[in-house]
C-alpha atoms as a PDB file:
ATOM      1  CA  UNK A   1       0.000   0.000   0.000  1.00  0.00           C
ATOM      2  CA  UNK A   2       1.331   3.435  -0.964  1.00  0.00           C
ATOM      3  CA  UNK A   3       1.359   6.224   1.594  1.00  0.00           C
ATOM      4  CA  UNK A   4       0.891   9.614  -0.056  1.00  0.00           C
ATOM      5  CA  UNK A   5       2.245  12.926   1.101  1.00  0.00           C
ATOM      6  CA  UNK A   6       0.155  16.084   0.806  1.00  0.00           C
ATOM      7  CA  UNK A   7       1.641  16.973  -2.588  1.00  0.00           C
ATOM      8  CA  UNK A   8       0.827  13.518  -3.984  1.00  0.00           C
ATOM      9  CA  UNK A   9      -2.735  13.778  -2.714  1.00  0.00           C
ATOM     10  CA  UNK A  10      -3.213  17.277  -4.110  1.00  0.00           C
ATOM     11  CA  UNK A  11      -1.995  16.045  -7.517  1.00  0.00           C
ATOM     12  CA  UNK A  12      -4.384  13.091  -7.325  1.00  0.00           C
ATOM     13  CA  UNK A  13      -7.325  15.439  -6.800  1.00  0.00           C
ATOM     14  CA  UNK A  14      -6.244  17.695  -9.657  1.00  0.00           C
ATOM     15  CA  UNK A  15      -5.465  14.969 -12.183  1.00  0.00           C
ATOM     16  CA  UNK A  16      -8.802  13.214 -11.687  1.00  0.00           C
ATOM     17  CA  UNK A  17     -11.061  16.287 -11.787  1.00  0.00           C
ATOM     18  CA  UNK A  18     -12.135  15.769  -8.200  1.00  0.00           C
ATOM     19  CA  UNK A  19     -12.199  19.523  -7.627  1.00  0.00           C
ATOM     20  CA  UNK A  20     -15.288  20.718  -9.524  1.00  0.00           C
ATOM     21  CA  UNK A  21     -15.852  24.378 -10.441  1.00  0.00           C
ATOM     22  CA  UNK A  22     -18.945  24.224 -12.652  1.00  0.00           C
ATOM     23  CA  UNK A  23     -21.739  26.344 -11.234  1.00  0.00           C
ATOM     24  CA  UNK A  24     -22.693  27.508  -7.748  1.00  0.00           C
ATOM     25  CA  UNK A  25     -22.535  24.940  -4.971  1.00  0.00           C
ATOM     26  CA  UNK A  26     -24.636  24.865  -1.822  1.00  0.00           C
ATOM     27  CA  UNK A  27     -22.912  23.342   1.211  1.00  0.00           C
ATOM     28  CA  UNK A  28     -24.532  21.648   4.181  1.00  0.00           C
ATOM     29  CA  UNK A  29     -24.207  24.808   6.256  1.00  0.00           C
ATOM     30  CA  UNK A  30     -26.342  26.680   3.718  1.00  0.00           C
ATOM     31  CA  UNK A  31     -23.334  28.695   2.554  1.00  0.00           C
ATOM     32  CA  UNK A  32     -22.572  28.864  -1.167  1.00  0.00           C
ATOM     33  CA  UNK A  33     -19.416  28.885  -3.276  1.00  0.00           C
ATOM     34  CA  UNK A  34     -17.928  28.174  -6.697  1.00  0.00           C
ATOM     35  CA  UNK A  35     -15.856  25.069  -5.925  1.00  0.00           C
ATOM     36  CA  UNK A  36     -16.691  21.602  -4.660  1.00  0.00           C
ATOM     37  CA  UNK A  37     -14.593  18.550  -3.903  1.00  0.00           C
ATOM     38  CA  UNK A  38     -16.444  15.569  -5.319  1.00  0.00           C
ATOM     39  CA  UNK A  39     -15.352  12.766  -3.006  1.00  0.00           C
ATOM     40  CA  UNK A  40     -17.470  10.280  -4.993  1.00  0.00           C
ATOM     41  CA  UNK A  41     -14.949  10.652  -7.822  1.00  0.00           C
ATOM     42  CA  UNK A  42     -12.393   8.813  -5.671  1.00  0.00           C
ATOM     43  CA  UNK A  43     -14.272   5.500  -5.911  1.00  0.00           C
ATOM     44  CA  UNK A  44     -13.658   4.873  -9.647  1.00  0.00           C
ATOM     45  CA  UNK A  45      -9.914   5.077  -8.980  1.00  0.00           C
ATOM     46  CA  UNK A  46     -10.157   1.717  -7.203  1.00  0.00           C
ATOM     47  CA  UNK A  47     -10.275   0.457  -3.632  1.00  0.00           C
ATOM     48  CA  UNK A  48      -6.496   0.341  -3.375  1.00  0.00           C
ATOM     49  CA  UNK A  49      -6.212   4.060  -4.137  1.00  0.00           C
ATOM     50  CA  UNK A  50      -9.043   4.972  -1.757  1.00  0.00           C
ATOM     51  CA  UNK A  51      -7.495   2.849   0.991  1.00  0.00           C
ATOM     52  CA  UNK A  52      -4.133   4.494   0.406  1.00  0.00           C
ATOM     53  CA  UNK A  53      -5.742   7.924   0.710  1.00  0.00           C
ATOM     54  CA  UNK A  54      -7.374   7.035   4.024  1.00  0.00           C
ATOM     55  CA  UNK A  55      -4.255   5.407   5.440  1.00  0.00           C
ATOM     56  CA  UNK A  56      -2.211   8.412   4.329  1.00  0.00           C
ATOM     57  CA  UNK A  57      -4.732  10.677   6.061  1.00  0.00           C
ATOM     58  CA  UNK A  58      -4.391   8.626   9.248  1.00  0.00           C
ATOM     59  CA  UNK A  59      -0.602   8.564   9.113  1.00  0.00           C
ATOM     60  CA  UNK A  60      -0.593  12.328   8.650  1.00  0.00           C
ATOM     61  CA  UNK A  61      -2.592  12.672  11.873  1.00  0.00           C
ATOM     62  CA  UNK A  62      -0.127  10.413  13.690  1.00  0.00           C
ATOM     63  CA  UNK A  63       2.793  12.449  12.354  1.00  0.00           C
ATOM     64  CA  UNK A  64       1.093  15.526  13.783  1.00  0.00           C
ATOM     65  CA  UNK A  65       0.906  13.900  17.236  1.00  0.00           C
ATOM     66  CA  UNK A  66      -2.437  12.155  17.239  1.00  0.00           C
ATOM     67  CA  UNK A  67      -2.029   9.782  20.175  1.00  0.00           C
ATOM     68  CA  UNK A  68      -4.002   8.036  22.875  1.00  0.00           C
ATOM     69  CA  UNK A  69      -3.919   8.248  26.657  1.00  0.00           C
ATOM     70  CA  UNK A  70      -1.852   5.511  28.349  1.00  0.00           C
ATOM     71  CA  UNK A  71      -4.954   4.013  29.990  1.00  0.00           C
ATOM     72  CA  UNK A  72      -7.087   4.002  26.813  1.00  0.00           C
ATOM     73  CA  UNK A  73      -8.430   0.534  26.078  1.00  0.00           C
ATOM     74  CA  UNK A  74     -11.106   1.253  23.479  1.00  0.00           C
ATOM     75  CA  UNK A  75     -11.287   3.902  20.763  1.00  0.00           C
ATOM     76  CA  UNK A  76     -14.506   4.420  18.816  1.00  0.00           C
ATOM     77  CA  UNK A  77     -14.020   5.579  15.224  1.00  0.00           C
ATOM     78  CA  UNK A  78     -17.138   7.291  13.907  1.00  0.00           C
ATOM     79  CA  UNK A  79     -18.055   7.841  10.274  1.00  0.00           C
ATOM     80  CA  UNK A  80     -20.840  10.428  10.127  1.00  0.00           C
ATOM     81  CA  UNK A  81     -23.652   9.607   7.722  1.00  0.00           C
ATOM     82  CA  UNK A  82     -23.391   9.612   4.836  1.00  0.00           C
ATOM     83  CA  UNK A  83     -20.194  10.890   3.301  1.00  0.00           C
ATOM     84  CA  UNK A  84     -17.599   9.161   5.486  1.00  0.00           C
ATOM     85  CA  UNK A  85     -19.699   6.259   6.727  1.00  0.00           C
ATOM     86  CA  UNK A  86     -17.470   3.671   4.995  1.00  0.00           C
ATOM     87  CA  UNK A  87     -14.151   5.101   6.206  1.00  0.00           C
ATOM     88  CA  UNK A  88     -13.833   3.895   9.853  1.00  0.00           C
ATOM     89  CA  UNK A  89     -12.931   0.221   9.184  1.00  0.00           C
ATOM     90  CA  UNK A  90      -9.961   1.210   7.034  1.00  0.00           C
ATOM     91  CA  UNK A  91      -8.736   3.700   9.628  1.00  0.00           C
ATOM     92  CA  UNK A  92      -9.295   1.119  12.395  1.00  0.00           C
ATOM     93  CA  UNK A  93      -7.255  -1.576  10.644  1.00  0.00           C
ATOM     94  CA  UNK A  94      -4.394   0.851  10.090  1.00  0.00           C
ATOM     95  CA  UNK A  95      -4.334   2.002  13.707  1.00  0.00           C
ATOM     96  CA  UNK A  96      -4.723  -1.514  15.101  1.00  0.00           C
ATOM     97  CA  UNK A  97      -1.442  -2.533  13.480  1.00  0.00           C
ATOM     98  CA  UNK A  98       0.310   0.319  15.287  1.00  0.00           C
ATOM     99  CA  UNK A  99      -1.515   0.037  18.640  1.00  0.00           C
ATOM    100  CA  UNK A 100      -2.141  -3.694  19.210  1.00  0.00           C
ATOM    101  CA  UNK A 101      -3.111  -3.165  22.862  1.00  0.00           C
ATOM    102  CA  UNK A 102      -6.023  -0.866  21.917  1.00  0.00           C
ATOM    103  CA  UNK A 103      -9.379  -2.088  20.638  1.00  0.00           C
ATOM    104  CA  UNK A 104     -10.658   0.009  17.741  1.00  0.00           C
ATOM    105  CA  UNK A 105     -14.430  -0.146  17.330  1.00  0.00           C
ATOM    106  CA  UNK A 106     -16.252   1.418  14.388  1.00  0.00           C
ATOM    107  CA  UNK A 107     -19.653   3.055  14.264  1.00  0.00           C
ATOM    108  CA  UNK A 108     -21.680   5.751  12.551  1.00  0.00           C
ATOM    109  CA  UNK A 109     -24.323   8.364  13.074  1.00  0.00           C
ATOM    110  CA  UNK A 110     -27.621   8.682  11.251  1.00  0.00           C
ATOM    111  CA  UNK A 111     -29.471  11.796  10.122  1.00  0.00           C
ATOM    112  CA  UNK A 112     -33.059  12.874  10.654  1.00  0.00           C
ATOM    113  CA  UNK A 113     -35.398  14.372   8.075  1.00  0.00           C
ATOM    114  CA  UNK A 114     -33.690  17.754   8.545  1.00  0.00           C
ATOM    115  CA  UNK A 115     -30.238  16.282   7.924  1.00  0.00           C
ATOM    116  CA  UNK A 116     -29.203  16.576  11.569  1.00  0.00           C
ATOM    117  CA  UNK A 117     -27.059  13.846  13.084  1.00  0.00           C
ATOM    118  CA  UNK A 118     -28.113  11.565  15.897  1.00  0.00           C
ATOM    119  CA  UNK A 119     -26.953   8.304  17.474  1.00  0.00           C
ATOM    120  CA  UNK A 120     -29.438   5.493  16.848  1.00  0.00           C
ATOM    121  CA  UNK A 121     -30.454   3.745  20.062  1.00  0.00           C
ATOM    122  CA  UNK A 122     -29.185   0.368  18.840  1.00  0.00           C
ATOM    123  CA  UNK A 123     -25.643   1.803  18.663  1.00  0.00           C
ATOM    124  CA  UNK A 124     -25.590   3.448  22.100  1.00  0.00           C
ATOM    125  CA  UNK A 125     -23.636   0.569  23.627  1.00  0.00           C
ATOM    126  CA  UNK A 126     -20.718   1.230  21.268  1.00  0.00           C
ATOM    127  CA  UNK A 127     -20.523   4.865  22.315  1.00  0.00           C
ATOM    128  CA  UNK A 128     -20.702   4.019  26.027  1.00  0.00           C
ATOM    129  CA  UNK A 129     -17.793   1.570  25.887  1.00  0.00           C
ATOM    130  CA  UNK A 130     -15.281   3.989  24.341  1.00  0.00           C
ATOM    131  CA  UNK A 131     -12.526   5.778  26.238  1.00  0.00           C
ATOM    132  CA  UNK A 132     -11.778   8.085  23.318  1.00  0.00           C
ATOM    133  CA  UNK A 133     -13.365   9.000  19.997  1.00  0.00           C
ATOM    134  CA  UNK A 134     -12.110   9.726  16.504  1.00  0.00           C
ATOM    135  CA  UNK A 135     -14.488  11.316  14.030  1.00  0.00           C
ATOM    136  CA  UNK A 136     -13.501  10.523  10.449  1.00  0.00           C
ATOM    137  CA  UNK A 137     -14.662  13.012   7.854  1.00  0.00           C
ATOM    138  CA  UNK A 138     -14.240  13.317   4.119  1.00  0.00           C
ATOM    139  CA  UNK A 139     -14.571  17.010   3.298  1.00  0.00           C
ATOM    140  CA  UNK A 140     -14.937  19.658   6.005  1.00  0.00           C
ATOM    141  CA  UNK A 141     -16.530  22.892   4.814  1.00  0.00           C
ATOM    142  CA  UNK A 142     -17.832  25.031   7.672  1.00  0.00           C
ATOM    143  CA  UNK A 143     -17.610  22.102  10.115  1.00  0.00           C
ATOM    144  CA  UNK A 144     -21.366  21.711  10.629  1.00  0.00           C
ATOM    145  CA  UNK A 145     -21.271  17.916  10.786  1.00  0.00           C
ATOM    146  CA  UNK A 146     -18.343  17.877  13.202  1.00  0.00           C
ATOM    147  CA  UNK A 147     -20.089  20.224  15.615  1.00  0.00           C
ATOM    148  CA  UNK A 148     -23.283  18.177  15.488  1.00  0.00           C
ATOM    149  CA  UNK A 149     -21.549  14.835  16.044  1.00  0.00           C
ATOM    150  CA  UNK A 150     -19.139  16.143  18.681  1.00  0.00           C
ATOM    151  CA  UNK A 151     -22.075  17.537  20.665  1.00  0.00           C
ATOM    152  CA  UNK A 152     -23.460  13.997  20.912  1.00  0.00           C
ATOM    153  CA  UNK A 153     -20.318  12.577  22.530  1.00  0.00           C
ATOM    154  CA  UNK A 154     -19.523  12.288  26.230  1.00  0.00           C
ATOM    155  CA  UNK A 155     -16.891  14.633  27.585  1.00  0.00           C
ATOM    156  CA  UNK A 156     -13.823  12.554  26.748  1.00  0.00           C
ATOM    157  CA  UNK A 157     -10.927  13.106  24.364  1.00  0.00           C
ATOM    158  CA  UNK A 158     -12.150  13.405  20.808  1.00  0.00           C
ATOM    159  CA  UNK A 159     -10.212  14.009  17.628  1.00  0.00           C
ATOM    160  CA  UNK A 160     -11.191  14.592  14.017  1.00  0.00           C
ATOM    161  CA  UNK A 161      -9.229  13.453  10.995  1.00  0.00           C
ATOM    162  CA  UNK A 162     -10.348  14.336   7.477  1.00  0.00           C
ATOM    163  CA  UNK A 163      -9.195  14.114   3.889  1.00  0.00           C
ATOM    164  CA  UNK A 164      -9.681  17.798   3.062  1.00  0.00           C
ATOM    165  CA  UNK A 165     -10.434  20.892   5.108  1.00  0.00           C
ATOM    166  CA  UNK A 166     -11.606  23.548   2.712  1.00  0.00           C
ATOM    167  CA  UNK A 167     -12.769  26.111   5.260  1.00  0.00           C
ATOM    168  CA  UNK A 168      -9.662  27.129   7.270  1.00  0.00           C
ATOM    169  CA  UNK A 169     -11.087  25.420  10.347  1.00  0.00           C
ATOM    170  CA  UNK A 170      -9.292  24.800  13.635  1.00  0.00           C
ATOM    171  CA  UNK A 171      -9.998  22.671  16.677  1.00  0.00           C
ATOM    172  CA  UNK A 172     -11.144  25.587  18.845  1.00  0.00           C
ATOM    173  CA  UNK A 173     -13.721  26.804  16.318  1.00  0.00           C
ATOM    174  CA  UNK A 174     -14.937  23.241  15.775  1.00  0.00           C
ATOM    175  CA  UNK A 175     -15.299  22.630  19.509  1.00  0.00           C
ATOM    176  CA  UNK A 176     -13.017  19.582  19.592  1.00  0.00           C
ATOM    177  CA  UNK A 177      -9.647  18.773  21.129  1.00  0.00           C
ATOM    178  CA  UNK A 178      -7.657  17.801  18.033  1.00  0.00           C
ATOM    179  CA  UNK A 179      -8.145  18.409  14.308  1.00  0.00           C
ATOM    180  CA  UNK A 180      -5.972  16.759  11.666  1.00  0.00           C
ATOM    181  CA  UNK A 181      -6.843  17.523   8.035  1.00  0.00           C
ATOM    182  CA  UNK A 182      -4.720  15.680   5.484  1.00  0.00           C
ATOM    183  CA  UNK A 183      -4.969  18.573   3.045  1.00  0.00           C
ATOM    184  CA  UNK A 184      -6.060  22.156   3.670  1.00  0.00           C
ATOM    185  CA  UNK A 185      -7.297  24.221   0.747  1.00  0.00           C
ATOM    186  CA  UNK A 186      -8.768  27.706   0.682  1.00  0.00           C
ATOM    187  CA  UNK A 187     -12.071  27.663  -1.185  1.00  0.00           C
ATOM    188  CA  UNK A 188     -14.044  30.789  -0.406  1.00  0.00           C
ATOM    189  CA  UNK A 189     -17.691  30.430   0.589  1.00  0.00           C
ATOM    190  CA  UNK A 190     -20.403  32.996   1.250  1.00  0.00           C
ATOM    191  CA  UNK A 191     -23.433  33.324   3.474  1.00  0.00           C
ATOM    192  CA  UNK A 192     -26.252  34.121   0.997  1.00  0.00           C
ATOM    193  CA  UNK A 193     -28.172  35.909   3.748  1.00  0.00           C
ATOM    194  CA  UNK A 194     -25.348  38.446   3.984  1.00  0.00           C
ATOM    195  CA  UNK A 195     -23.822  38.404   0.504  1.00  0.00           C
ATOM    196  CA  UNK A 196     -26.218  37.126  -2.202  1.00  0.00           C
ATOM    197  CA  UNK A 197     -24.320  38.678  -5.134  1.00  0.00           C
ATOM    198  CA  UNK A 198     -22.939  35.324  -6.337  1.00  0.00           C
ATOM    199  CA  UNK A 199     -26.496  34.130  -6.871  1.00  0.00           C
ATOM    200  CA  UNK A 200     -26.961  36.775  -9.575  1.00  0.00           C
ATOM    201  CA  UNK A 201     -23.640  36.188 -11.318  1.00  0.00           C
ATOM    202  CA  UNK A 202     -25.189  34.299 -14.230  1.00  0.00           C
ATOM    203  CA  UNK A 203     -24.133  30.890 -12.932  1.00  0.00           C
ATOM    204  CA  UNK A 204     -26.643  28.165 -12.155  1.00  0.00           C
ATOM    205  CA  UNK A 205     -26.983  26.182  -8.941  1.00  0.00           C
ATOM    206  CA  UNK A 206     -25.359  22.750  -9.289  1.00  0.00           C
ATOM    207  CA  UNK A 207     -28.099  20.271  -8.341  1.00  0.00           C
ATOM    208  CA  UNK A 208     -25.965  17.115  -8.576  1.00  0.00           C
ATOM    209  CA  UNK A 209     -23.326  17.900  -5.965  1.00  0.00           C
ATOM    210  CA  UNK A 210     -23.857  19.305  -2.499  1.00  0.00           C
ATOM    211  CA  UNK A 211     -27.259  20.555  -1.335  1.00  0.00           C
ATOM    212  CA  UNK A 212     -28.136  22.391  -4.548  1.00  0.00           C
ATOM    213  CA  UNK A 213     -31.182  20.241  -5.268  1.00  0.00           C
ATOM    214  CA  UNK A 214     -32.744  21.278  -1.944  1.00  0.00           C
ATOM    215  CA  UNK A 215     -31.999  24.922  -2.723  1.00  0.00           C
ATOM    216  CA  UNK A 216     -33.554  24.779  -6.197  1.00  0.00           C
ATOM    217  CA  UNK A 217     -36.647  23.009  -4.879  1.00  0.00           C
ATOM    218  CA  UNK A 218     -37.143  25.962  -2.549  1.00  0.00           C
ATOM    219  CA  UNK A 219     -36.035  28.955  -4.630  1.00  0.00           C
ATOM    220  CA  UNK A 220     -35.644  27.769  -8.225  1.00  0.00           C
ATOM    221  CA  UNK A 221     -32.603  28.661 -10.329  1.00  0.00           C
ATOM    222  CA  UNK A 222     -31.105  32.188 -10.308  1.00  0.00           C
ATOM    223  CA  UNK A 223     -31.329  35.025 -11.081  1.00  0.00           C
ATOM    224  CA  UNK A 224     -33.784  35.986  -8.363  1.00  0.00           C
ATOM    225  CA  UNK A 225     -35.915  38.983  -7.670  1.00  0.00           C
ATOM    226  CA  UNK A 226     -35.172  41.486  -4.929  1.00  0.00           C
ATOM    227  CA  UNK A 227     -37.690  40.103  -2.450  1.00  0.00           C
ATOM    228  CA  UNK A 228     -36.328  36.568  -2.012  1.00  0.00           C
ATOM    229  CA  UNK A 229     -35.589  35.886   1.668  1.00  0.00           C
ATOM    230  CA  UNK A 230     -32.625  33.473   1.667  1.00  0.00           C
ATOM    231  CA  UNK A 231     -32.710  33.290   5.454  1.00  0.00           C
ATOM    232  CA  UNK A 232     -35.699  30.975   5.010  1.00  0.00           C
ATOM    233  CA  UNK A 233     -33.545  28.308   3.376  1.00  0.00           C
ATOM    234  CA  UNK A 234     -34.426  25.036   5.116  1.00  0.00           C
ATOM    235  CA  UNK A 235     -30.813  24.243   6.102  1.00  0.00           C
ATOM    236  CA  UNK A 236     -30.643  27.439   8.174  1.00  0.00           C
ATOM    237  CA  UNK A 237     -33.438  26.292  10.487  1.00  0.00           C
END
């Protein structure tokens, strides 16, 4: 298995058109922007490449001093629904080889009809048994998912590792102890309630990637009239 450095991973994204810039994208936070990282485009590269990306992400976190308390016996690795839900087993296998005395358990969250995360009752026992938590994310924009999932966890050490942070986030702003993005990129995003000018730029909302379909169902495609109240977007509630 190959372990990539950040430059290798950045080149992989670029060479395979994983960074998409066609149209206006709506992120989970309700913010908008002109760039999107299409994580689904990793899958056609093959399981070996995807596994290498995730192991490289994990090794990067270890290099940046991700570690566990001496008395930690069980670490729960959580893949929030739905983007990173398949990632925890790969991360767990990689860490298990390095920490054979620690049990790595994998789990997930689910989302309600509003897209908000919760822990299903049938998985509560997994969360109770853990001494520490690792949240595994794919792409972090404004960190909405991380804040939601972290708020569900007991007050023990919790860390987040992710493939790409595209919002200049840090652990303090995210409300967690440790944050380890494999790659950090600066992709500007806007709050349409404050700065709606992008919505009248002539570009259309991308309804395939992100939350654009929800947006268009509510407001239609731009341009919009002067009386549209974007604060009523359902993801802001």
